[in-house]
Amino acid sequence: MPNYWYIPVGILTVLFLIDSQLLANDVKKAISNIIVICFAGYALLTEIKNSKINDRFMLADSMIFLYYALSVFLFFLLRQFSDLAQDEAVNLWSINNILSSVLYLTFIYTFLKLKK
């Protein structure tokens, strides 16, 4: 990453660490997830572009991208349907739980593969 990118990343980090009342916690979470999506997408594009690099982390990076993208989608879906019944909201969050379980299993698989 070029050196000039560290300035806006640092400013965003400080803004998210300050617990201000400017943004609600839900909005902060969505914005931080979008930032993670951008970085994960950049990492994926770099791995795809450089075929010389061993694709040891391709599965983990793609699962990070998928998890955070669907997490933001679920966040906006639940914000639109705030008057959902409790059972339907639980069903939507169970999708998030399944995705996080798959993400963690992918991490375990990747690190075990690296260990060998």
PDB file of N, CA and C in Angstrom:
ATOM      1  N   MET A   1       0.845  -1.159   0.000  1.00  0.00           N
ATOM      2  CA  MET A   1       0.000   0.000   0.000  1.00  0.00           C
ATOM      3  C   MET A   1       0.903   1.239   0.000  1.00  0.00           C
ATOM      4  N   PRO A   2       0.621   2.208  -0.864  1.00  0.00           N
ATOM      5  CA  PRO A   2       1.445   3.419  -0.886  1.00  0.00           C
ATOM      6  C   PRO A   2       1.368   4.166   0.445  1.00  0.00           C
ATOM      7  N   ASN A   3       2.421   4.926   0.727  1.00  0.00           N
ATOM      8  CA  ASN A   3       2.513   5.617   2.021  1.00  0.00           C
ATOM      9  C   ASN A   3       1.429   6.662   2.218  1.00  0.00           C
ATOM     10  N   TYR A   4       0.953   7.283   1.164  1.00  0.00           N
ATOM     11  CA  TYR A   4      -0.048   8.333   1.326  1.00  0.00           C
ATOM     12  C   TYR A   4      -1.406   7.780   1.744  1.00  0.00           C
ATOM     13  N   TRP A   5      -1.632   6.479   1.643  1.00  0.00           N
ATOM     14  CA  TRP A   5      -2.890   5.877   2.088  1.00  0.00           C
ATOM     15  C   TRP A   5      -2.955   5.739   3.605  1.00  0.00           C
ATOM     16  N   TYR A   6      -1.808   5.806   4.282  1.00  0.00           N
ATOM     17  CA  TYR A   6      -1.808   5.648   5.729  1.00  0.00           C
ATOM     18  C   TYR A   6      -2.478   6.821   6.438  1.00  0.00           C
ATOM     19  N   ILE A   7      -2.460   7.985   5.837  1.00  0.00           N
ATOM     20  CA  ILE A   7      -3.071   9.159   6.465  1.00  0.00           C
ATOM     21  C   ILE A   7      -4.595   9.019   6.563  1.00  0.00           C
ATOM     22  N   PRO A   8      -5.323   8.745   5.456  1.00  0.00           N
ATOM     23  CA  PRO A   8      -6.772   8.600   5.611  1.00  0.00           C
ATOM     24  C   PRO A   8      -7.169   7.378   6.436  1.00  0.00           C
ATOM     25  N   VAL A   9      -6.384   6.308   6.345  1.00  0.00           N
ATOM     26  CA  VAL A   9      -6.695   5.122   7.150  1.00  0.00           C
ATOM     27  C   VAL A   9      -6.524   5.436   8.629  1.00  0.00           C
ATOM     28  N   GLY A  10      -5.473   6.170   8.970  1.00  0.00           N
ATOM     29  CA  GLY A  10      -5.261   6.570  10.361  1.00  0.00           C
ATOM     30  C   GLY A  10      -6.361   7.480  10.870  1.00  0.00           C
ATOM     31  N   ILE A  11      -6.792   8.420  10.034  1.00  0.00           N
ATOM     32  CA  ILE A  11      -7.865   9.331  10.438  1.00  0.00           C
ATOM     33  C   ILE A  11      -9.162   8.561  10.655  1.00  0.00           C
ATOM     34  N   LEU A  12      -9.484   7.629   9.757  1.00  0.00           N
ATOM     35  CA  LEU A  12     -10.692   6.815   9.933  1.00  0.00           C
ATOM     36  C   LEU A  12     -10.609   5.953  11.185  1.00  0.00           C
ATOM     37  N   THR A  13      -9.419   5.439  11.468  1.00  0.00           N
ATOM     38  CA  THR A  13      -9.249   4.622  12.666  1.00  0.00           C
ATOM     39  C   THR A  13      -9.501   5.433  13.924  1.00  0.00           C
ATOM     40  N   VAL A  14      -8.944   6.640  13.965  1.00  0.00           N
ATOM     41  CA  VAL A  14      -9.149   7.499  15.139  1.00  0.00           C
ATOM     42  C   VAL A  14     -10.616   7.877  15.270  1.00  0.00           C
ATOM     43  N   LEU A  15     -11.294   8.171  14.159  1.00  0.00           N
ATOM     44  CA  LEU A  15     -12.711   8.528  14.223  1.00  0.00           C
ATOM     45  C   LEU A  15     -13.569   7.383  14.738  1.00  0.00           C
ATOM     46  N   PHE A  16     -13.219   6.146  14.365  1.00  0.00           N
ATOM     47  CA  PHE A  16     -13.999   5.015  14.844  1.00  0.00           C
ATOM     48  C   PHE A  16     -13.686   4.674  16.295  1.00  0.00           C
ATOM     49  N   LEU A  17     -12.487   4.997  16.746  1.00  0.00           N
ATOM     50  CA  LEU A  17     -12.150   4.722  18.131  1.00  0.00           C
ATOM     51  C   LEU A  17     -12.766   5.731  19.090  1.00  0.00           C
ATOM     52  N   ILE A  18     -12.979   6.945  18.607  1.00  0.00           N
ATOM     53  CA  ILE A  18     -13.623   7.955  19.446  1.00  0.00           C
ATOM     54  C   ILE A  18     -15.100   7.610  19.543  1.00  0.00           C
ATOM     55  N   ASP A  19     -15.573   7.474  20.750  1.00  0.00           N
ATOM     56  CA  ASP A  19     -16.978   7.118  20.946  1.00  0.00           C
ATOM     57  C   ASP A  19     -17.813   8.388  20.982  1.00  0.00           C
ATOM     58  N   SER A  20     -18.108   8.887  19.814  1.00  0.00           N
ATOM     59  CA  SER A  20     -18.881  10.125  19.730  1.00  0.00           C
ATOM     60  C   SER A  20     -20.331   9.799  19.398  1.00  0.00           C
ATOM     61  N   GLN A  21     -21.145  10.783  19.553  1.00  0.00           N
ATOM     62  CA  GLN A  21     -22.560  10.623  19.260  1.00  0.00           C
ATOM     63  C   GLN A  21     -22.900  11.061  17.833  1.00  0.00           C
ATOM     64  N   LEU A  22     -21.869  11.269  17.003  1.00  0.00           N
ATOM     65  CA  LEU A  22     -22.124  11.699  15.629  1.00  0.00           C
ATOM     66  C   LEU A  22     -22.793  10.605  14.816  1.00  0.00           C
ATOM     67  N   LEU A  23     -22.355   9.376  15.021  1.00  0.00           N
ATOM     68  CA  LEU A  23     -22.923   8.246  14.294  1.00  0.00           C
ATOM     69  C   LEU A  23     -23.419   7.206  15.275  1.00  0.00           C
ATOM     70  N   ALA A  24     -24.501   6.543  14.905  1.00  0.00           N
ATOM     71  CA  ALA A  24     -24.998   5.457  15.734  1.00  0.00           C
ATOM     72  C   ALA A  24     -24.049   4.264  15.604  1.00  0.00           C
ATOM     73  N   ASN A  25     -24.072   3.382  16.579  1.00  0.00           N
ATOM     74  CA  ASN A  25     -23.180   2.227  16.550  1.00  0.00           C
ATOM     75  C   ASN A  25     -23.451   1.324  15.350  1.00  0.00           C
ATOM     76  N   ASP A  26     -24.717   1.240  14.939  1.00  0.00           N
ATOM     77  CA  ASP A  26     -25.048   0.420  13.770  1.00  0.00           C
ATOM     78  C   ASP A  26     -24.420   0.981  12.504  1.00  0.00           C
ATOM     79  N   VAL A  27     -24.451   2.292  12.380  1.00  0.00           N
ATOM     80  CA  VAL A  27     -23.875   2.930  11.195  1.00  0.00           C
ATOM     81  C   VAL A  27     -22.357   2.785  11.203  1.00  0.00           C
ATOM     82  N   LYS A  28     -21.732   2.908  12.383  1.00  0.00           N
ATOM     83  CA  LYS A  28     -20.283   2.709  12.482  1.00  0.00           C
ATOM     84  C   LYS A  28     -19.898   1.304  12.060  1.00  0.00           C
ATOM     85  N   LYS A  29     -20.697   0.332  12.476  1.00  0.00           N
ATOM     86  CA  LYS A  29     -20.418  -1.058  12.115  1.00  0.00           C
ATOM     87  C   LYS A  29     -20.539  -1.257  10.609  1.00  0.00           C
ATOM     88  N   ALA A  30     -21.548  -0.680  10.001  1.00  0.00           N
ATOM     89  CA  ALA A  30     -21.718  -0.824   8.558  1.00  0.00           C
ATOM     90  C   ALA A  30     -20.570  -0.157   7.804  1.00  0.00           C
ATOM     91  N   ILE A  31     -20.160   1.025   8.245  1.00  0.00           N
ATOM     92  CA  ILE A  31     -19.062   1.722   7.565  1.00  0.00           C
ATOM     93  C   ILE A  31     -17.759   0.949   7.727  1.00  0.00           C
ATOM     94  N   SER A  32     -17.497   0.444   8.921  1.00  0.00           N
ATOM     95  CA  SER A  32     -16.269  -0.328   9.117  1.00  0.00           C
ATOM     96  C   SER A  32     -16.293  -1.623   8.314  1.00  0.00           C
ATOM     97  N   ASN A  33     -17.459  -2.245   8.181  1.00  0.00           N
ATOM     98  CA  ASN A  33     -17.561  -3.440   7.337  1.00  0.00           C
ATOM     99  C   ASN A  33     -17.306  -3.112   5.873  1.00  0.00           C
ATOM    100  N   ILE A  34     -17.776  -1.973   5.420  1.00  0.00           N
ATOM    101  CA  ILE A  34     -17.534  -1.569   4.032  1.00  0.00           C
ATOM    102  C   ILE A  34     -16.047  -1.329   3.806  1.00  0.00           C
ATOM    103  N   ILE A  35     -15.360  -0.756   4.808  1.00  0.00           N
ATOM    104  CA  ILE A  35     -13.910  -0.553   4.690  1.00  0.00           C
ATOM    105  C   ILE A  35     -13.189  -1.891   4.616  1.00  0.00           C
ATOM    106  N   VAL A  36     -13.605  -2.857   5.445  1.00  0.00           N
ATOM    107  CA  VAL A  36     -13.002  -4.192   5.403  1.00  0.00           C
ATOM    108  C   VAL A  36     -13.267  -4.855   4.057  1.00  0.00           C
ATOM    109  N   ILE A  37     -14.453  -4.658   3.494  1.00  0.00           N
ATOM    110  CA  ILE A  37     -14.774  -5.204   2.169  1.00  0.00           C
ATOM    111  C   ILE A  37     -13.828  -4.639   1.121  1.00  0.00           C
ATOM    112  N   CYS A  38     -13.568  -3.341   1.199  1.00  0.00           N
ATOM    113  CA  CYS A  38     -12.649  -2.714   0.230  1.00  0.00           C
ATOM    114  C   CYS A  38     -11.248  -3.297   0.341  1.00  0.00           C
ATOM    115  N   PHE A  39     -10.748  -3.450   1.574  1.00  0.00           N
ATOM    116  CA  PHE A  39      -9.407  -4.010   1.756  1.00  0.00           C
ATOM    117  C   PHE A  39      -9.351  -5.485   1.337  1.00  0.00           C
ATOM    118  N   ALA A  40     -10.391  -6.250   1.654  1.00  0.00           N
ATOM    119  CA  ALA A  40     -10.413  -7.655   1.257  1.00  0.00           C
ATOM    120  C   ALA A  40     -10.513  -7.784  -0.261  1.00  0.00           C
ATOM    121  N   GLY A  41     -11.299  -6.921  -0.891  1.00  0.00           N
ATOM    122  CA  GLY A  41     -11.378  -6.927  -2.349  1.00  0.00           C
ATOM    123  C   GLY A  41     -10.056  -6.568  -2.992  1.00  0.00           C
ATOM    124  N   TYR A  42      -9.355  -5.596  -2.408  1.00  0.00           N
ATOM    125  CA  TYR A  42      -8.028  -5.223  -2.913  1.00  0.00           C
ATOM    126  C   TYR A  42      -7.054  -6.389  -2.779  1.00  0.00           C
ATOM    127  N   ALA A  43      -7.101  -7.087  -1.636  1.00  0.00           N
ATOM    128  CA  ALA A  43      -6.222  -8.246  -1.434  1.00  0.00           C
ATOM    129  C   ALA A  43      -6.541  -9.358  -2.432  1.00  0.00           C
ATOM    130  N   LEU A  44      -7.824  -9.584  -2.677  1.00  0.00           N
ATOM    131  CA  LEU A  44      -8.217 -10.608  -3.651  1.00  0.00           C
ATOM    132  C   LEU A  44      -7.749 -10.250  -5.059  1.00  0.00           C
ATOM    133  N   LEU A  45      -7.945  -9.001  -5.447  1.00  0.00           N
ATOM    134  CA  LEU A  45      -7.513  -8.586  -6.782  1.00  0.00           C
ATOM    135  C   LEU A  45      -6.001  -8.683  -6.935  1.00  0.00           C
ATOM    136  N   THR A  46      -5.274  -8.362  -5.875  1.00  0.00           N
ATOM    137  CA  THR A  46      -3.817  -8.477  -5.921  1.00  0.00           C
ATOM    138  C   THR A  46      -3.396  -9.932  -6.065  1.00  0.00           C
ATOM    139  N   GLU A  47      -4.046 -10.834  -5.335  1.00  0.00           N
ATOM    140  CA  GLU A  47      -3.709 -12.254  -5.439  1.00  0.00           C
ATOM    141  C   GLU A  47      -4.069 -12.818  -6.807  1.00  0.00           C
ATOM    142  N   ILE A  48      -5.166 -12.375  -7.358  1.00  0.00           N
ATOM    143  CA  ILE A  48      -5.578 -12.869  -8.679  1.00  0.00           C
ATOM    144  C   ILE A  48      -4.640 -12.332  -9.754  1.00  0.00           C
ATOM    145  N   LYS A  49      -4.245 -11.072  -9.625  1.00  0.00           N
ATOM    146  CA  LYS A  49      -3.392 -10.441 -10.628  1.00  0.00           C
ATOM    147  C   LYS A  49      -1.985 -11.043 -10.629  1.00  0.00           C
ATOM    148  N   ASN A  50      -1.429 -11.302  -9.472  1.00  0.00           N
ATOM    149  CA  ASN A  50      -0.079 -11.850  -9.363  1.00  0.00           C
ATOM    150  C   ASN A  50      -0.158 -13.373  -9.290  1.00  0.00           C
ATOM    151  N   SER A  51      -0.012 -13.998 -10.427  1.00  0.00           N
ATOM    152  CA  SER A  51      -0.098 -15.460 -10.447  1.00  0.00           C
ATOM    153  C   SER A  51       1.148 -16.106  -9.861  1.00  0.00           C
ATOM    154  N   LYS A  52       2.227 -15.322  -9.660  1.00  0.00           N
ATOM    155  CA  LYS A  52       3.446 -15.868  -9.074  1.00  0.00           C
ATOM    156  C   LYS A  52       3.273 -16.158  -7.590  1.00  0.00           C
ATOM    157  N   ILE A  53       2.379 -15.410  -6.943  1.00  0.00           N
ATOM    158  CA  ILE A  53       2.150 -15.589  -5.510  1.00  0.00           C
ATOM    159  C   ILE A  53       1.376 -16.887  -5.302  1.00  0.00           C
ATOM    160  N   ASN A  54       1.819 -17.666  -4.333  1.00  0.00           N
ATOM    161  CA  ASN A  54       1.114 -18.887  -3.988  1.00  0.00           C
ATOM    162  C   ASN A  54      -0.239 -18.517  -3.381  1.00  0.00           C
ATOM    163  N   ASP A  55      -1.281 -19.150  -3.841  1.00  0.00           N
ATOM    164  CA  ASP A  55      -2.631 -18.772  -3.414  1.00  0.00           C
ATOM    165  C   ASP A  55      -3.031 -19.469  -2.106  1.00  0.00           C
ATOM    166  N   ARG A  56      -2.160 -19.404  -1.110  1.00  0.00           N
ATOM    167  CA  ARG A  56      -2.441 -20.039   0.167  1.00  0.00           C
ATOM    168  C   ARG A  56      -3.570 -19.344   0.906  1.00  0.00           C
ATOM    169  N   PHE A  57      -3.700 -18.045   0.748  1.00  0.00           N
ATOM    170  CA  PHE A  57      -4.706 -17.294   1.477  1.00  0.00           C
ATOM    171  C   PHE A  57      -5.912 -16.925   0.616  1.00  0.00           C
ATOM    172  N   MET A  58      -6.003 -17.458  -0.585  1.00  0.00           N
ATOM    173  CA  MET A  58      -7.109 -17.103  -1.479  1.00  0.00           C
ATOM    174  C   MET A  58      -8.464 -17.484  -0.873  1.00  0.00           C
ATOM    175  N   LEU A  59      -8.565 -18.670  -0.299  1.00  0.00           N
ATOM    176  CA  LEU A  59      -9.828 -19.116   0.289  1.00  0.00           C
ATOM    177  C   LEU A  59     -10.204 -18.256   1.488  1.00  0.00           C
ATOM    178  N   ALA A  60      -9.241 -17.970   2.346  1.00  0.00           N
ATOM    179  CA  ALA A  60      -9.525 -17.152   3.533  1.00  0.00           C
ATOM    180  C   ALA A  60      -9.908 -15.731   3.142  1.00  0.00           C
ATOM    181  N   ASP A  61      -9.201 -15.147   2.197  1.00  0.00           N
ATOM    182  CA  ASP A  61      -9.525 -13.784   1.767  1.00  0.00           C
ATOM    183  C   ASP A  61     -10.896 -13.705   1.106  1.00  0.00           C
ATOM    184  N   SER A  62     -11.223 -14.702   0.310  1.00  0.00           N
ATOM    185  CA  SER A  62     -12.533 -14.679  -0.342  1.00  0.00           C
ATOM    186  C   SER A  62     -13.659 -14.878   0.669  1.00  0.00           C
ATOM    187  N   MET A  63     -13.426 -15.677   1.715  1.00  0.00           N
ATOM    188  CA  MET A  63     -14.459 -15.848   2.736  1.00  0.00           C
ATOM    189  C   MET A  63     -14.615 -14.585   3.583  1.00  0.00           C
ATOM    190  N   ILE A  64     -13.517 -13.876   3.831  1.00  0.00           N
ATOM    191  CA  ILE A  64     -13.617 -12.587   4.550  1.00  0.00           C
ATOM    192  C   ILE A  64     -14.454 -11.622   3.738  1.00  0.00           C
ATOM    193  N   PHE A  65     -14.195 -11.556   2.435  1.00  0.00           N
ATOM    194  CA  PHE A  65     -14.959 -10.675   1.556  1.00  0.00           C
ATOM    195  C   PHE A  65     -16.438 -11.053   1.563  1.00  0.00           C
ATOM    196  N   LEU A  66     -16.731 -12.343   1.438  1.00  0.00           N
ATOM    197  CA  LEU A  66     -18.128 -12.805   1.410  1.00  0.00           C
ATOM    198  C   LEU A  66     -18.826 -12.532   2.728  1.00  0.00           C
ATOM    199  N   TYR A  67     -18.159 -12.833   3.841  1.00  0.00           N
ATOM    200  CA  TYR A  67     -18.786 -12.640   5.151  1.00  0.00           C
ATOM    201  C   TYR A  67     -19.139 -11.180   5.387  1.00  0.00           C
ATOM    202  N   TYR A  68     -18.192 -10.288   5.156  1.00  0.00           N
ATOM    203  CA  TYR A  68     -18.457  -8.887   5.443  1.00  0.00           C
ATOM    204  C   TYR A  68     -19.457  -8.279   4.459  1.00  0.00           C
ATOM    205  N   ALA A  69     -19.420  -8.711   3.211  1.00  0.00           N
ATOM    206  CA  ALA A  69     -20.394  -8.198   2.242  1.00  0.00           C
ATOM    207  C   ALA A  69     -21.811  -8.622   2.617  1.00  0.00           C
ATOM    208  N   LEU A  70     -21.975  -9.884   2.979  1.00  0.00           N
ATOM    209  CA  LEU A  70     -23.308 -10.342   3.370  1.00  0.00           C
ATOM    210  C   LEU A  70     -23.725  -9.779   4.720  1.00  0.00           C
ATOM    211  N   SER A  71     -22.770  -9.494   5.586  1.00  0.00           N
ATOM    212  CA  SER A  71     -23.094  -8.872   6.870  1.00  0.00           C
ATOM    213  C   SER A  71     -23.661  -7.468   6.663  1.00  0.00           C
ATOM    214  N   VAL A  72     -23.064  -6.716   5.760  1.00  0.00           N
ATOM    215  CA  VAL A  72     -23.593  -5.373   5.460  1.00  0.00           C
ATOM    216  C   VAL A  72     -24.966  -5.486   4.805  1.00  0.00           C
ATOM    217  N   PHE A  73     -25.123  -6.455   3.916  1.00  0.00           N
ATOM    218  CA  PHE A  73     -26.424  -6.662   3.272  1.00  0.00           C
ATOM    219  C   PHE A  73     -27.485  -7.007   4.315  1.00  0.00           C
ATOM    220  N   LEU A  74     -27.170  -7.890   5.258  1.00  0.00           N
ATOM    221  CA  LEU A  74     -28.129  -8.237   6.308  1.00  0.00           C
ATOM    222  C   LEU A  74     -28.436  -7.046   7.199  1.00  0.00           C
ATOM    223  N   PHE A  75     -27.420  -6.224   7.469  1.00  0.00           N
ATOM    224  CA  PHE A  75     -27.638  -5.028   8.278  1.00  0.00           C
ATOM    225  C   PHE A  75     -28.646  -4.109   7.601  1.00  0.00           C
ATOM    226  N   PHE A  76     -28.459  -3.833   6.317  1.00  0.00           N
ATOM    227  CA  PHE A  76     -29.389  -2.946   5.617  1.00  0.00           C
ATOM    228  C   PHE A  76     -30.764  -3.582   5.459  1.00  0.00           C
ATOM    229  N   LEU A  77     -30.804  -4.891   5.311  1.00  0.00           N
ATOM    230  CA  LEU A  77     -32.087  -5.589   5.210  1.00  0.00           C
ATOM    231  C   LEU A  77     -32.853  -5.481   6.516  1.00  0.00           C
ATOM    232  N   LEU A  78     -32.176  -5.668   7.635  1.00  0.00           N
ATOM    233  CA  LEU A  78     -32.855  -5.555   8.921  1.00  0.00           C
ATOM    234  C   LEU A  78     -33.247  -4.122   9.240  1.00  0.00           C
ATOM    235  N   ARG A  79     -32.478  -3.152   8.748  1.00  0.00           N
ATOM    236  CA  ARG A  79     -32.860  -1.755   8.964  1.00  0.00           C
ATOM    237  C   ARG A  79     -34.126  -1.405   8.182  1.00  0.00           C
ATOM    238  N   GLN A  80     -34.279  -1.981   6.989  1.00  0.00           N
ATOM    239  CA  GLN A  80     -35.468  -1.719   6.187  1.00  0.00           C
ATOM    240  C   GLN A  80     -36.704  -2.385   6.774  1.00  0.00           C
ATOM    241  N   PHE A  81     -36.510  -3.578   7.308  1.00  0.00           N
ATOM    242  CA  PHE A  81     -37.628  -4.334   7.860  1.00  0.00           C
ATOM    243  C   PHE A  81     -37.560  -4.352   9.380  1.00  0.00           C
ATOM    244  N   SER A  82     -37.533  -3.172   9.976  1.00  0.00           N
ATOM    245  CA  SER A  82     -37.392  -3.096  11.428  1.00  0.00           C
ATOM    246  C   SER A  82     -38.627  -3.595  12.158  1.00  0.00           C
ATOM    247  N   ASP A  83     -39.745  -3.665  11.457  1.00  0.00           N
ATOM    248  CA  ASP A  83     -40.973  -4.128  12.102  1.00  0.00           C
ATOM    249  C   ASP A  83     -41.215  -5.620  11.872  1.00  0.00           C
ATOM    250  N   LEU A  84     -40.158  -6.361  11.573  1.00  0.00           N
ATOM    251  CA  LEU A  84     -40.293  -7.803  11.388  1.00  0.00           C
ATOM    252  C   LEU A  84     -40.679  -8.480  12.696  1.00  0.00           C
ATOM    253  N   ALA A  85     -41.300  -9.600  12.563  1.00  0.00           N
ATOM    254  CA  ALA A  85     -41.580 -10.402  13.741  1.00  0.00           C
ATOM    255  C   ALA A  85     -40.261 -10.936  14.305  1.00  0.00           C
ATOM    256  N   GLN A  86     -40.260 -11.269  15.561  1.00  0.00           N
ATOM    257  CA  GLN A  86     -39.043 -11.716  16.226  1.00  0.00           C
ATOM    258  C   GLN A  86     -38.485 -12.989  15.579  1.00  0.00           C
ATOM    259  N   ASP A  87     -39.349 -13.897  15.151  1.00  0.00           N
ATOM    260  CA  ASP A  87     -38.892 -15.147  14.535  1.00  0.00           C
ATOM    261  C   ASP A  87     -38.178 -14.899  13.217  1.00  0.00           C
ATOM    262  N   GLU A  88     -38.681 -13.975  12.417  1.00  0.00           N
ATOM    263  CA  GLU A  88     -38.049 -13.681  11.139  1.00  0.00           C
ATOM    264  C   GLU A  88     -36.696 -13.001  11.336  1.00  0.00           C
ATOM    265  N   ALA A  89     -36.575 -12.144  12.333  1.00  0.00           N
ATOM    266  CA  ALA A  89     -35.295 -11.500  12.620  1.00  0.00           C
ATOM    267  C   ALA A  89     -34.279 -12.525  13.107  1.00  0.00           C
ATOM    268  N   VAL A  90     -34.728 -13.480  13.889  1.00  0.00           N
ATOM    269  CA  VAL A  90     -33.830 -14.545  14.357  1.00  0.00           C
ATOM    270  C   VAL A  90     -33.359 -15.384  13.180  1.00  0.00           C
ATOM    271  N   ASN A  91     -34.245 -15.639  12.231  1.00  0.00           N
ATOM    272  CA  ASN A  91     -33.847 -16.401  11.045  1.00  0.00           C
ATOM    273  C   ASN A  91     -32.786 -15.659  10.233  1.00  0.00           C
ATOM    274  N   LEU A  92     -32.931 -14.341  10.116  1.00  0.00           N
ATOM    275  CA  LEU A  92     -31.927 -13.570   9.380  1.00  0.00           C
ATOM    276  C   LEU A  92     -30.590 -13.577  10.106  1.00  0.00           C
ATOM    277  N   TRP A  93     -30.595 -13.485  11.428  1.00  0.00           N
ATOM    278  CA  TRP A  93     -29.335 -13.502  12.169  1.00  0.00           C
ATOM    279  C   TRP A  93     -28.724 -14.892  12.202  1.00  0.00           C
ATOM    280  N   SER A  94     -29.537 -15.927  12.043  1.00  0.00           N
ATOM    281  CA  SER A  94     -28.961 -17.275  11.973  1.00  0.00           C
ATOM    282  C   SER A  94     -28.144 -17.444  10.699  1.00  0.00           C
ATOM    283  N   ILE A  95     -28.507 -16.734   9.642  1.00  0.00           N
ATOM    284  CA  ILE A  95     -27.696 -16.734   8.419  1.00  0.00           C
ATOM    285  C   ILE A  95     -26.319 -16.143   8.722  1.00  0.00           C
ATOM    286  N   ASN A  96     -26.292 -15.067   9.500  1.00  0.00           N
ATOM    287  CA  ASN A  96     -25.023 -14.458   9.887  1.00  0.00           C
ATOM    288  C   ASN A  96     -24.199 -15.423  10.739  1.00  0.00           C
ATOM    289  N   ASN A  97     -24.831 -16.158  11.626  1.00  0.00           N
ATOM    290  CA  ASN A  97     -24.112 -17.124  12.462  1.00  0.00           C
ATOM    291  C   ASN A  97     -23.524 -18.250  11.629  1.00  0.00           C
ATOM    292  N   ILE A  98     -24.258 -18.713  10.642  1.00  0.00           N
ATOM    293  CA  ILE A  98     -23.745 -19.771   9.763  1.00  0.00           C
ATOM    294  C   ILE A  98     -22.553 -19.248   8.965  1.00  0.00           C
ATOM    295  N   LEU A  99     -22.666 -18.016   8.469  1.00  0.00           N
ATOM    296  CA  LEU A  99     -21.552 -17.428   7.718  1.00  0.00           C
ATOM    297  C   LEU A  99     -20.303 -17.255   8.585  1.00  0.00           C
ATOM    298  N   SER A 100     -20.480 -16.829   9.824  1.00  0.00           N
ATOM    299  CA  SER A 100     -19.314 -16.669  10.691  1.00  0.00           C
ATOM    300  C   SER A 100     -18.696 -18.023  11.028  1.00  0.00           C
ATOM    301  N   SER A 101     -19.509 -19.061  11.165  1.00  0.00           N
ATOM    302  CA  SER A 101     -18.968 -20.400  11.404  1.00  0.00           C
ATOM    303  C   SER A 101     -18.162 -20.887  10.209  1.00  0.00           C
ATOM    304  N   VAL A 102     -18.658 -20.643   9.005  1.00  0.00           N
ATOM    305  CA  VAL A 102     -17.927 -21.033   7.799  1.00  0.00           C
ATOM    306  C   VAL A 102     -16.631 -20.238   7.689  1.00  0.00           C
ATOM    307  N   LEU A 103     -16.668 -18.958   8.050  1.00  0.00           N
ATOM    308  CA  LEU A 103     -15.466 -18.124   8.026  1.00  0.00           C
ATOM    309  C   LEU A 103     -14.411 -18.669   8.990  1.00  0.00           C
ATOM    310  N   TYR A 104     -14.815 -19.012  10.198  1.00  0.00           N
ATOM    311  CA  TYR A 104     -13.858 -19.536  11.171  1.00  0.00           C
ATOM    312  C   TYR A 104     -13.324 -20.902  10.751  1.00  0.00           C
ATOM    313  N   LEU A 105     -14.164 -21.742  10.177  1.00  0.00           N
ATOM    314  CA  LEU A 105     -13.691 -23.035   9.670  1.00  0.00           C
ATOM    315  C   LEU A 105     -12.685 -22.844   8.539  1.00  0.00           C
ATOM    316  N   THR A 106     -12.914 -21.842   7.705  1.00  0.00           N
ATOM    317  CA  THR A 106     -11.970 -21.544   6.631  1.00  0.00           C
ATOM    318  C   THR A 106     -10.631 -21.089   7.195  1.00  0.00           C
ATOM    319  N   PHE A 107     -10.663 -20.261   8.247  1.00  0.00           N
ATOM    320  CA  PHE A 107      -9.417 -19.853   8.897  1.00  0.00           C
ATOM    321  C   PHE A 107      -8.669 -21.047   9.458  1.00  0.00           C
ATOM    322  N   ILE A 108      -9.381 -21.928  10.141  1.00  0.00           N
ATOM    323  CA  ILE A 108      -8.743 -23.116  10.718  1.00  0.00           C
ATOM    324  C   ILE A 108      -8.137 -23.978   9.624  1.00  0.00           C
ATOM    325  N   TYR A 109      -8.885 -24.193   8.544  1.00  0.00           N
ATOM    326  CA  TYR A 109      -8.382 -25.002   7.433  1.00  0.00           C
ATOM    327  C   TYR A 109      -7.135 -24.368   6.816  1.00  0.00           C
ATOM    328  N   THR A 110      -7.162 -23.048   6.620  1.00  0.00           N
ATOM    329  CA  THR A 110      -6.025 -22.362   6.007  1.00  0.00           C
ATOM    330  C   THR A 110      -4.787 -22.454   6.889  1.00  0.00           C
ATOM    331  N   PHE A 111      -4.955 -22.235   8.167  1.00  0.00           N
ATOM    332  CA  PHE A 111      -3.791 -22.275   9.056  1.00  0.00           C
ATOM    333  C   PHE A 111      -3.266 -23.693   9.251  1.00  0.00           C
ATOM    334  N   LEU A 112      -4.146 -24.688   9.257  1.00  0.00           N
ATOM    335  CA  LEU A 112      -3.677 -26.066   9.325  1.00  0.00           C
ATOM    336  C   LEU A 112      -2.935 -26.465   8.052  1.00  0.00           C
ATOM    337  N   LYS A 113      -3.415 -25.964   6.918  1.00  0.00           N
ATOM    338  CA  LYS A 113      -2.744 -26.223   5.649  1.00  0.00           C
ATOM    339  C   LYS A 113      -1.372 -25.558   5.606  1.00  0.00           C
ATOM    340  N   LEU A 114      -1.268 -24.357   6.182  1.00  0.00           N
ATOM    341  CA  LEU A 114       0.021 -23.662   6.237  1.00  0.00           C
ATOM    342  C   LEU A 114       1.001 -24.362   7.178  1.00  0.00           C
ATOM    343  N   LYS A 115       0.482 -24.976   8.212  1.00  0.00           N
ATOM    344  CA  LYS A 115       1.318 -25.649   9.199  1.00  0.00           C
ATOM    345  C   LYS A 115       2.016 -26.863   8.578  1.00  0.00           C
ATOM    346  N   LYS A 116       1.326 -27.536   7.665  1.00  0.00           N
ATOM    347  CA  LYS A 116       1.895 -28.717   7.005  1.00  0.00           C
ATOM    348  C   LYS A 116       2.869 -28.330   5.972  1.00  0.00           C
TER     349      LYS A 116
END
